[in-house]
Protein backbone atom coordinates (compact mmCIF):
# COMPACT_ATOMS: atom_id res chain seq x y z
CA UNK A 1 118.60 -39.61 -165.50
CA UNK A 2 116.81 -39.29 -162.06
CA UNK A 3 114.75 -42.15 -160.61
CA UNK A 4 111.32 -40.55 -161.45
CA UNK A 5 112.28 -40.11 -165.13
CA UNK A 6 113.62 -43.56 -165.32
CA UNK A 7 110.54 -45.03 -163.74
CA UNK A 8 108.37 -43.06 -166.21
CA UNK A 9 110.38 -44.11 -169.20
CA UNK A 10 110.34 -47.82 -168.09
CA UNK A 11 106.55 -47.57 -167.75
CA UNK A 12 106.27 -46.10 -171.12
CA UNK A 13 108.56 -48.70 -172.71
CA UNK A 14 106.78 -51.65 -171.12
CA UNK A 15 103.42 -50.16 -171.87
CA UNK A 16 104.36 -49.65 -175.54
CA UNK A 17 105.61 -53.32 -175.89
CA UNK A 18 102.57 -54.59 -174.31
CA UNK A 19 100.35 -52.63 -176.49
CA UNK A 20 102.16 -53.72 -179.67
CA UNK A 21 102.01 -57.49 -178.61
CA UNK A 22 98.41 -57.01 -177.62
CA UNK A 23 97.46 -55.35 -180.85
CA UNK A 24 99.25 -57.93 -182.93
CA UNK A 25 97.37 -60.70 -181.04
CA UNK A 26 94.09 -59.07 -181.73
CA UNK A 27 94.98 -58.63 -185.45
CA UNK A 28 95.97 -62.41 -185.76
CA UNK A 29 92.98 -63.60 -183.81
CA UNK A 30 90.68 -61.58 -186.04
CA UNK A 31 92.37 -62.69 -189.21
CA UNK A 32 92.00 -66.43 -188.12
CA UNK A 33 88.38 -65.77 -187.28
CA UNK A 34 87.73 -64.16 -190.60
CA UNK A 35 89.39 -66.75 -192.62
CA UNK A 36 87.48 -69.67 -190.87
CA UNK A 37 85.33 -70.23 -194.05
CA UNK A 38 87.29 -68.95 -196.98
CA UNK A 39 90.70 -69.08 -198.43
CA UNK A 40 93.76 -70.61 -196.63
CA UNK A 41 96.55 -67.93 -196.60
CA UNK A 42 99.25 -70.58 -196.01
CA UNK A 43 98.53 -73.84 -197.65
CA UNK A 44 101.50 -76.19 -196.91
CA UNK A 45 103.77 -73.22 -197.01
CA UNK A 46 103.63 -72.87 -200.80
CA UNK A 47 100.06 -71.59 -201.78
CA UNK A 48 97.78 -68.72 -200.69
CA UNK A 49 94.11 -68.73 -201.41
CA UNK A 50 91.70 -65.79 -201.55
CA UNK A 51 88.11 -66.09 -200.37
CA UNK A 52 86.28 -68.04 -202.93
CA UNK A 53 83.63 -66.54 -205.09
CA UNK A 54 80.98 -67.34 -207.82
CA UNK A 55 78.33 -68.79 -205.40
CA UNK A 56 75.60 -67.70 -203.06
CA UNK A 57 76.67 -68.23 -199.52
CA UNK A 58 74.19 -69.61 -197.00
CA UNK A 59 71.64 -68.59 -195.72
CA UNK A 60 70.84 -67.32 -199.36
CA UNK A 61 69.55 -70.28 -201.21
CA UNK A 62 69.50 -71.88 -204.62
CA UNK A 63 66.18 -73.14 -205.89
CA UNK A 64 65.94 -76.51 -207.62
CA UNK A 65 62.19 -76.45 -208.10
CA UNK A 66 62.74 -75.92 -211.65
CA UNK A 67 65.49 -78.43 -212.06
CA UNK A 68 69.15 -78.95 -211.02
CA UNK A 69 71.36 -76.03 -210.35
CA UNK A 70 74.97 -75.59 -211.13
CA UNK A 71 77.06 -73.91 -208.49
CA UNK A 72 80.34 -72.06 -209.44
CA UNK A 73 83.33 -72.20 -207.08
CA UNK A 74 86.08 -69.87 -208.13
CA UNK A 75 89.19 -69.12 -205.97
CA UNK A 76 92.30 -66.96 -206.88
CA UNK A 77 95.46 -68.90 -205.74
CA UNK A 78 99.02 -67.49 -205.54
CA UNK A 79 102.16 -69.56 -205.59
CA UNK A 80 104.19 -68.17 -202.56
CA UNK A 81 107.36 -69.67 -203.81
CA UNK A 82 109.93 -68.86 -206.63
CA UNK A 83 109.76 -72.45 -207.88
CA UNK A 84 107.09 -74.23 -210.00
CA UNK A 85 104.50 -76.18 -208.00
CA UNK A 86 102.33 -79.23 -208.99
CA UNK A 87 99.59 -80.00 -206.32
CA UNK A 88 97.14 -82.87 -206.34
CA UNK A 89 93.76 -81.55 -205.12
CA UNK A 90 90.26 -82.63 -204.53
CA UNK A 91 86.99 -80.77 -204.89
CA UNK A 92 84.13 -82.20 -203.03
CA UNK A 93 80.84 -81.36 -201.34
CA UNK A 94 79.75 -82.49 -197.88
CA UNK A 95 76.15 -82.31 -196.96
CA UNK A 96 75.58 -80.95 -193.45
CA UNK A 97 73.34 -83.52 -191.72
CA UNK A 98 72.97 -81.82 -188.24
CA UNK A 99 74.04 -78.43 -186.73
CA UNK A 100 74.37 -78.11 -183.01
CA UNK A 101 72.33 -81.28 -182.71
CA UNK A 102 69.50 -80.23 -184.95
CA UNK A 103 68.74 -82.16 -188.03
CA UNK A 104 69.14 -79.68 -190.90
CA UNK A 105 69.33 -82.07 -193.83
CA UNK A 106 66.41 -80.36 -195.74
CA UNK A 107 67.99 -76.93 -195.67
CA UNK A 108 65.36 -75.69 -193.36
CA UNK A 109 62.71 -74.34 -195.82
CA UNK A 110 60.64 -71.56 -194.32
CA UNK A 111 63.26 -70.57 -191.89
CA UNK A 112 65.94 -67.85 -191.92
CA UNK A 113 68.74 -70.39 -192.52
CA UNK A 114 72.31 -70.71 -191.06
CA UNK A 115 75.24 -68.52 -191.69
CA UNK A 116 78.19 -70.80 -191.19
CA UNK A 117 81.68 -69.61 -190.29
CA UNK A 118 83.22 -73.07 -190.19
CA UNK A 119 82.35 -76.72 -189.85
CA UNK A 120 82.14 -76.48 -185.93
CA UNK A 121 78.89 -77.94 -184.52
CA UNK A 122 78.11 -79.88 -187.73
CA UNK A 123 78.08 -83.51 -188.65
CA UNK A 124 78.68 -84.02 -192.50
CA UNK A 125 78.62 -86.77 -195.13
CA UNK A 126 80.56 -86.42 -198.37
CA UNK A 127 78.35 -86.77 -201.41
CA UNK A 128 78.92 -88.62 -204.54
CA UNK A 129 80.97 -86.85 -207.30
CA UNK A 130 84.28 -85.75 -205.68
CA UNK A 131 86.63 -84.36 -208.39
CA UNK A 132 90.37 -85.09 -208.33
CA UNK A 133 92.71 -83.03 -210.29
CA UNK A 134 96.31 -81.68 -210.48
CA UNK A 135 96.96 -77.98 -210.55
CA UNK A 136 100.24 -76.48 -211.71
CA UNK A 137 101.66 -73.06 -210.90
CA UNK A 138 104.67 -71.11 -212.32
CA UNK A 139 106.97 -69.41 -209.93
CA UNK A 140 105.04 -66.73 -208.14
CA UNK A 141 102.12 -67.23 -210.33
CA UNK A 142 98.51 -66.01 -209.56
CA UNK A 143 95.70 -67.89 -211.07
CA UNK A 144 92.02 -68.40 -210.76
CA UNK A 145 90.75 -72.09 -210.22
CA UNK A 146 87.21 -72.58 -211.37
CA UNK A 147 85.25 -75.68 -210.36
CA UNK A 148 81.54 -76.67 -210.50
CA UNK A 149 79.12 -78.83 -208.73
CA UNK A 150 75.50 -79.49 -210.00
CA UNK A 151 72.85 -80.10 -207.18
CA UNK A 152 69.35 -81.58 -207.39
CA UNK A 153 68.85 -82.28 -203.79
CA UNK A 154 67.96 -79.80 -200.87
CA UNK A 155 70.24 -79.09 -197.93
CA UNK A 156 73.10 -77.19 -196.62
CA UNK A 157 76.54 -78.08 -198.14
CA UNK A 158 80.11 -77.31 -197.43
CA UNK A 159 82.25 -77.09 -200.63
CA UNK A 160 86.02 -77.65 -200.37
CA UNK A 161 89.14 -77.72 -202.48
CA UNK A 162 91.55 -79.79 -200.24
CA UNK A 163 94.42 -82.38 -200.22
CA UNK A 164 94.87 -85.48 -198.11
CA UNK A 165 97.57 -84.97 -195.45
CA UNK A 166 99.13 -87.61 -193.21
CA UNK A 167 100.44 -86.63 -189.77
CA UNK A 168 103.90 -88.43 -189.66
CA UNK A 169 103.69 -88.47 -185.88
CA UNK A 170 100.33 -90.04 -185.30
CA UNK A 171 99.65 -91.55 -188.70
CA UNK A 172 96.21 -89.88 -188.72
CA UNK A 173 94.86 -88.67 -192.21
CA UNK A 174 92.95 -85.45 -192.38
CA UNK A 175 92.06 -82.71 -195.01
CA UNK A 176 94.21 -79.66 -195.46
CA UNK A 177 91.82 -77.27 -197.00
CA UNK A 178 92.72 -74.71 -199.58
CA UNK A 179 89.41 -72.95 -199.76
CA UNK A 180 85.81 -73.57 -198.62
CA UNK A 181 82.34 -72.19 -198.61
CA UNK A 182 78.85 -73.03 -197.54
CA UNK A 183 75.70 -73.10 -199.70
CA UNK A 184 71.90 -73.86 -199.22
CA UNK A 185 69.68 -75.54 -201.67
CA UNK A 186 65.87 -75.29 -201.36
CA UNK A 187 62.89 -75.99 -203.67
CA UNK A 188 62.63 -79.75 -203.71
CA UNK A 189 59.40 -81.37 -204.65
CA UNK A 190 58.43 -77.97 -206.17
CA UNK A 191 57.66 -76.51 -202.78
CA UNK A 192 61.02 -76.32 -200.95
CA UNK A 193 60.33 -79.14 -198.59
CA UNK A 194 62.54 -82.02 -200.10
CA UNK A 195 63.91 -84.60 -197.76
CA UNK A 196 67.24 -85.80 -199.32
CA UNK A 197 68.76 -89.08 -198.31
CA UNK A 198 72.13 -89.26 -196.37
CA UNK A 199 73.75 -89.68 -199.84
CA UNK A 200 71.80 -87.14 -202.07
CA UNK A 201 71.88 -87.38 -205.90
CA UNK A 202 74.39 -84.76 -206.32
CA UNK A 203 76.76 -84.81 -209.45
CA UNK A 204 79.47 -82.71 -210.58
CA UNK A 205 80.05 -81.16 -213.97
CA UNK A 206 82.89 -82.91 -215.67
CA UNK A 207 85.06 -79.92 -216.27
CA UNK A 208 87.14 -77.41 -214.32
CA UNK A 209 89.73 -74.97 -215.29
CA UNK A 210 92.26 -72.44 -214.06
CA UNK A 211 92.64 -69.19 -215.98
CA UNK A 212 95.95 -68.92 -217.83
CA UNK A 213 96.90 -72.60 -217.18
CA UNK A 214 96.12 -75.82 -219.01
CA UNK A 215 94.50 -77.90 -216.56
CA UNK A 216 93.39 -81.68 -217.09
CA UNK A 217 89.73 -82.06 -216.87
CA UNK A 218 88.75 -83.93 -213.59
CA UNK A 219 87.27 -87.34 -213.62
CA UNK A 220 84.24 -87.62 -211.20
CA UNK A 221 84.78 -90.13 -208.49
CA UNK A 222 82.11 -91.38 -206.16
CA UNK A 223 82.60 -93.10 -202.75
CA UNK A 224 85.46 -90.89 -201.57
CA UNK A 225 84.89 -90.77 -197.75
CA UNK A 226 86.07 -87.92 -195.63
CA UNK A 227 88.65 -89.05 -192.97
CA UNK A 228 87.55 -86.09 -190.85
CA UNK A 229 85.29 -83.17 -191.35
CA UNK A 230 87.16 -80.58 -193.47
CA UNK A 231 88.32 -77.80 -191.08
CA UNK A 232 89.23 -74.23 -192.06
CA UNK A 233 89.64 -72.61 -188.83
CA UNK A 234 87.75 -71.53 -185.65
CA UNK A 235 84.20 -70.41 -185.80
CA UNK A 236 84.67 -67.55 -183.35
CA UNK A 237 87.16 -65.61 -181.23
CA UNK A 238 89.65 -67.75 -179.55
CA UNK A 239 92.12 -67.32 -176.77
CA UNK A 240 94.54 -65.29 -178.89
CA UNK A 241 92.00 -62.56 -179.17
CA UNK A 242 91.30 -62.34 -175.35
CA UNK A 243 95.06 -62.32 -174.49
CA UNK A 244 95.45 -59.65 -177.06
CA UNK A 245 92.78 -57.54 -175.61
CA UNK A 246 94.23 -58.06 -172.05
CA UNK A 247 97.87 -57.13 -173.28
CA UNK A 248 96.54 -54.11 -175.18
CA UNK A 249 94.63 -52.85 -172.08
CA UNK A 250 97.74 -53.33 -169.86
CA UNK A 251 99.94 -51.57 -172.37
CA UNK A 252 97.71 -48.53 -172.62
CA UNK A 253 97.45 -48.45 -168.82
CA UNK A 254 101.27 -48.49 -168.39
CA UNK A 255 101.72 -45.78 -171.23
CA UNK A 256 99.22 -43.54 -169.45
CA UNK A 257 100.84 -44.15 -166.08
CA UNK A 258 104.40 -43.42 -167.55
CA UNK A 259 103.02 -40.24 -169.14
CA UNK A 260 101.48 -38.91 -165.93
CA UNK A 261 104.52 -39.67 -163.82
CA UNK A 262 106.71 -37.84 -166.47
CA UNK A 263 104.31 -34.79 -166.35
CA UNK A 264 104.36 -34.87 -162.52
CA UNK A 265 108.22 -34.91 -162.57
CA UNK A 266 108.27 -31.78 -164.68
CA UNK A 267 106.29 -29.85 -162.09
CA UNK A 268 108.49 -30.97 -159.16
CA UNK A 269 111.43 -28.70 -158.03
CA UNK A 270 114.73 -29.91 -159.66
CA UNK A 271 115.91 -31.35 -156.29
CA UNK A 272 112.94 -33.53 -155.78
CA UNK A 273 112.79 -35.21 -159.08
């Protein structure tokens, strides 16, 4: 193979590799962003959760002017392994006290509201009524977990199904989130201008279930403090996205350059290629 053809082949090969790596980086970054407030696709290497459903996501709002409202939180969870799994989990609600330094404890009645993509920029306080339960999966089983919270205080809330995890290196405890979502509650005092206290009167219903599985009823437990704010991912594009875009651009440029060089070689007399 002559030098011109070799150079064009190398350019196309390098370009193709860079384009593939770049496109993969973009896909991974986009997936991480979309999963920021939703289901964890790899929970401790054994479970995969879909985006939870059954509730209205903020900035849509529940109205408690006529009394407490019950919020459903349903999530389809797949056992990724070929072995039975039994996992101790918690279902809790954290009130969002501030967002980017602004007090939002009342849920901002009369305003457009906030679309949350994750806990970034918030300060939160876990409310009373955290539910602890153990869920069982058969090998490769897919089931739907159904939990509920009843609210009678206004505000923004983050709902989470999670498990406590300890970092064996640092000893720090944190939440590993299986699934999360954000809701908004308005209508306090009959006019949507309630001012809940830092520990609002929020109580869970005493039942929860998983379709197709016999699940013990949870026991409401108060005073469970979050060690850290539950985190389900970044709230926006990260470094991976921009690196992917750069590599994709370089790859396409190399592919085009290699193609042009190959076409130019075809037009040259045989002795000059």
